[in-house]
Amino acid sequence: MPDSIRIVRGFLAQMLEHAKRIPEQECCGLLAGRDGAITNYFPARNALSSSTAYEIAAAELFALFREMRSQQMDLLGIYHSHPQGENVPSITDIERAYYPDAVHFIISPAPGAPRPVRAFRIRDGRFTELSIEEI
């Protein structure tokens, strides 16, 4: 497994802006592309409207996967924010890492966060931080 993830320049800023637009709840979305490079950004609605958890409603999730399939893209990443606390995987994030091949981007909308967007591989109950390469 590579220890970095490639993503189109500007998507990190878009994810951070999404998190800042709804600071009272976790934002979320999917990231897709081909050949290991994230080239498409799919913001979603947090069906839980929670500040400590997120879930994409089944109908929206299926629609996003259909869109990816129609463009012959792979799911490469999932993103969400941690409005309160550090942007590292929580126990819930680790327990709900249902797509082990997807990179998990965690956003901190807090002003002055040292690294507002971080990326992790979560597999078998453990996580590893990845470096992010903008392309």
Foldseek 3Di string as FASTA:
>chain_A
DAQEAEEAPPVVVVLLVQCVVLLQAKWKWFFKAPPRYTDDTGTAHFPVRHLADGDGDPVVVVVVVVVCVVVVIDTAAMEIENSDDDFDDDQVNLVPPPPQNHKYWYAYNDPPDVDRIWIWRHDPSDIDTGHYHHD
